[in-house]
Amino acid sequence: MVRANPKRRRQRGSLMAEIAVALVIFTTVMVPLVVSFTHDQKERRNLYLRAIAMEIVDGEMEVLAAGAWREYAPGRHVISVEAGAAVNLPDGEFIFTRGEKFMRLEWVPEERFQKRKVIREVSLP
């Protein structure tokens, strides 16, 4: 029977300790990075959705301000938009409100996305 050399046992033990320390360092560095990347990805998605909603609302408001507002009686109206990018938005409604001296167009998303609401208001001529 061959016995292990005591020097080799110490080398194996120190190698295991180095591996354990390396794993702790790796975990300590990687966990915050993964959390940060996940948070950044969610924030970029929110900004993307807000940009789409603003672009659609601004475009529709230009059409309404050019004279299409006359087709609507004073009050609140849910309007449909023809923008292809609207399919990327969460469920919600585009609401046009016409008053006596103003008009407002807003995109109101479903309840859990309320912080992404986009509103544009213009004075009527």
Foldseek 3Di string as FASTA:
>chain_A
DDDDDPVVVVVVVVVVVVVVVVVVVVCVPVVVVVVVVVVVVVVVLLVVQLVLQVVQQVVVVVVVLVPVVVVDDAAKDWDDGPDPCCVVHAAWTWIWHDDPFKIKTKTQHPDVSRVSIDMDMDTHD
